[in-house]
Structures are given as C-alpha cells and as structure tokens.
Amino acid sequence: MFLRWMVRRDSPVDFGLWTNISPADLLIPLDIHVARVARSLGLLARKSNDLKSVTELTGKLKEFRPEDPVFYDYALFGLGVYEEF
C-alpha cells in the first residue's frame, strides 16, 4: 500500500511523489477481502493467498488497465468488506 500511495498520481488518496517507479509495475495488495471478491468475479483461480496469487491477479487486472492495474484495489477491497461474496 505504501508504494501505491507514493507512486500513483492523479488520485485524491495517493501522493505520487516517487516518479521513478511506474504505476504499471505495482502489484495489487492482496488481503482476504480482495482475494474473496477476485475469486468470485473469476479474476483469481488460485486458492491460497500468496505471491503467486498476487502475480496472477495483477496480471489479470493488467488486461483491463495495463498502465495501472492497482487502480482496482479499493473497489475489490470495498466489495469484500461491505458485500458478501
């Protein structure tokens, strides 16, 4: 999450101070909420929450937004916290 805050720009919650790292290089933060929603939406097939799952989910999200796949982290997290999947 720290990298996301420091790298992403044009966002009300991110600082965007580090310009030497591209948002395209970030990995999605994976917690139980994000994992549950990603699996229910068919974005993540792996059962365990590990680095391979992070890589798989980030790769899938890059299909939608290659320049910033972590763009979807709040949406996935929020759905996982506030909705039952």
C-alpha atoms as a PDB file:
ATOM      1  CA  MET A   1       0.000   0.000   0.000  1.00  0.00           C
ATOM      2  CA  PHE A   2       2.840   2.374   0.792  1.00  0.00           C
ATOM      3  CA  LEU A   3       4.242   2.028  -2.739  1.00  0.00           C
ATOM      4  CA  ARG A   4       0.800   2.661  -4.167  1.00  0.00           C
ATOM      5  CA  TRP A   5       0.465   5.896  -2.188  1.00  0.00           C
ATOM      6  CA  MET A   6       3.909   7.088  -3.191  1.00  0.00           C
ATOM      7  CA  VAL A   7       3.805   6.095  -6.882  1.00  0.00           C
ATOM      8  CA  ARG A   8       0.256   6.649  -8.146  1.00  0.00           C
ATOM      9  CA  ARG A   9      -0.640  10.178  -9.228  1.00  0.00           C
ATOM     10  CA  ASP A  10      -3.897  11.967 -10.036  1.00  0.00           C
ATOM     11  CA  SER A  11      -5.726  10.464  -7.092  1.00  0.00           C
ATOM     12  CA  PRO A  12      -7.247  12.084  -4.015  1.00  0.00           C
ATOM     13  CA  VAL A  13      -5.654   9.473  -1.713  1.00  0.00           C
ATOM     14  CA  ASP A  14      -2.228   8.965  -3.322  1.00  0.00           C
ATOM     15  CA  PHE A  15       0.748  11.318  -3.019  1.00  0.00           C
ATOM     16  CA  GLY A  16       2.527  10.445  -6.279  1.00  0.00           C
ATOM     17  CA  LEU A  17       5.875  11.720  -5.040  1.00  0.00           C
ATOM     18  CA  TRP A  18       8.018   8.937  -6.486  1.00  0.00           C
ATOM     19  CA  THR A  19       8.251   9.409 -10.224  1.00  0.00           C
ATOM     20  CA  ASN A  20      10.991   6.837 -10.895  1.00  0.00           C
ATOM     21  CA  ILE A  21       8.554   3.900 -10.451  1.00  0.00           C
ATOM     22  CA  SER A  22       5.693   3.390 -12.878  1.00  0.00           C
ATOM     23  CA  PRO A  23       2.208   2.520 -11.606  1.00  0.00           C
ATOM     24  CA  ALA A  24       2.298  -0.276 -14.204  1.00  0.00           C
ATOM     25  CA  ASP A  25       4.966  -2.007 -12.092  1.00  0.00           C
ATOM     26  CA  LEU A  26       2.914  -2.132  -8.888  1.00  0.00           C
ATOM     27  CA  LEU A  27       1.410  -5.349  -7.519  1.00  0.00           C
ATOM     28  CA  ILE A  28      -2.104  -5.500  -6.102  1.00  0.00           C
ATOM     29  CA  PRO A  29      -2.244  -5.645  -2.306  1.00  0.00           C
ATOM     30  CA  LEU A  30      -3.957  -8.945  -1.549  1.00  0.00           C
ATOM     31  CA  ASP A  31      -5.895  -9.413   1.649  1.00  0.00           C
ATOM     32  CA  ILE A  32      -8.794 -11.726   2.445  1.00  0.00           C
ATOM     33  CA  HIS A  33     -11.371  -9.250   1.125  1.00  0.00           C
ATOM     34  CA  VAL A  34      -9.638  -8.600  -2.202  1.00  0.00           C
ATOM     35  CA  ALA A  35      -8.953 -12.321  -2.662  1.00  0.00           C
ATOM     36  CA  ARG A  36     -12.557 -13.328  -1.965  1.00  0.00           C
ATOM     37  CA  VAL A  37     -14.002 -10.802  -4.418  1.00  0.00           C
ATOM     38  CA  ALA A  38     -11.389 -11.579  -7.082  1.00  0.00           C
ATOM     39  CA  ARG A  39     -12.217 -15.283  -6.871  1.00  0.00           C
ATOM     40  CA  SER A  40     -15.945 -14.692  -7.036  1.00  0.00           C
ATOM     41  CA  LEU A  41     -15.500 -12.491 -10.119  1.00  0.00           C
ATOM     42  CA  GLY A  42     -13.300 -15.094 -11.801  1.00  0.00           C
ATOM     43  CA  LEU A  43     -10.199 -12.901 -11.672  1.00  0.00           C
ATOM     44  CA  LEU A  44      -8.250 -15.258  -9.420  1.00  0.00           C
ATOM     45  CA  ALA A  45      -8.223 -19.052  -9.729  1.00  0.00           C
ATOM     46  CA  ARG A  46      -5.584 -19.845  -7.134  1.00  0.00           C
ATOM     47  CA  LYS A  47      -6.883 -20.972  -3.736  1.00  0.00           C
ATOM     48  CA  SER A  48      -4.111 -19.675  -1.477  1.00  0.00           C
ATOM     49  CA  ASN A  49      -3.307 -16.049  -0.754  1.00  0.00           C
ATOM     50  CA  ASP A  50       0.364 -15.876  -1.652  1.00  0.00           C
ATOM     51  CA  LEU A  51       2.754 -14.136  -4.027  1.00  0.00           C
ATOM     52  CA  LYS A  52       1.651 -16.348  -6.926  1.00  0.00           C
ATOM     53  CA  SER A  53      -1.925 -15.187  -6.324  1.00  0.00           C
ATOM     54  CA  VAL A  54      -0.784 -11.568  -6.258  1.00  0.00           C
ATOM     55  CA  THR A  55       1.025 -12.089  -9.562  1.00  0.00           C
ATOM     56  CA  GLU A  56      -1.971 -13.855 -11.108  1.00  0.00           C
ATOM     57  CA  LEU A  57      -4.454 -11.184 -10.046  1.00  0.00           C
ATOM     58  CA  THR A  58      -2.179  -8.310 -11.050  1.00  0.00           C
ATOM     59  CA  GLY A  59      -1.732  -9.917 -14.473  1.00  0.00           C
ATOM     60  CA  LYS A  60      -5.483 -10.243 -14.910  1.00  0.00           C
ATOM     61  CA  LEU A  61      -6.044  -6.621 -13.885  1.00  0.00           C
ATOM     62  CA  LYS A  62      -3.352  -5.529 -16.363  1.00  0.00           C
ATOM     63  CA  GLU A  63      -5.644  -6.820 -19.110  1.00  0.00           C
ATOM     64  CA  PHE A  64      -8.125  -4.098 -18.128  1.00  0.00           C
ATOM     65  CA  ARG A  65      -5.715  -1.285 -17.267  1.00  0.00           C
ATOM     66  CA  PRO A  66      -2.095  -2.091 -18.186  1.00  0.00           C
ATOM     67  CA  GLU A  67      -0.804   1.339 -17.196  1.00  0.00           C
ATOM     68  CA  ASP A  68      -2.167   0.997 -13.628  1.00  0.00           C
ATOM     69  CA  PRO A  69      -3.517  -2.427 -12.600  1.00  0.00           C
ATOM     70  CA  VAL A  70      -3.642  -1.458  -8.910  1.00  0.00           C
ATOM     71  CA  PHE A  71      -6.348   1.067  -9.819  1.00  0.00           C
ATOM     72  CA  TYR A  72      -8.922  -1.562  -8.796  1.00  0.00           C
ATOM     73  CA  ASP A  73      -7.659  -2.276  -5.271  1.00  0.00           C
ATOM     74  CA  TYR A  74     -10.130  -0.063  -3.398  1.00  0.00           C
ATOM     75  CA  ALA A  75     -13.077  -1.377  -5.393  1.00  0.00           C
ATOM     76  CA  LEU A  76     -12.171  -5.010  -4.748  1.00  0.00           C
ATOM     77  CA  PHE A  77     -11.451  -4.333  -1.081  1.00  0.00           C
ATOM     78  CA  GLY A  78     -14.645  -2.349  -0.571  1.00  0.00           C
ATOM     79  CA  LEU A  79     -16.814  -5.004  -2.156  1.00  0.00           C
ATOM     80  CA  GLY A  80     -15.189  -7.635   0.030  1.00  0.00           C
ATOM     81  CA  VAL A  81     -15.782  -5.670   3.218  1.00  0.00           C
ATOM     82  CA  TYR A  82     -19.298  -4.437   2.544  1.00  0.00           C
ATOM     83  CA  GLU A  83     -20.785  -7.207   0.433  1.00  0.00           C
ATOM     84  CA  GLU A  84     -20.950 -10.941   0.952  1.00  0.00           C
ATOM     85  CA  PHE A  85     -19.316 -12.853  -1.854  1.00  0.00           C
END
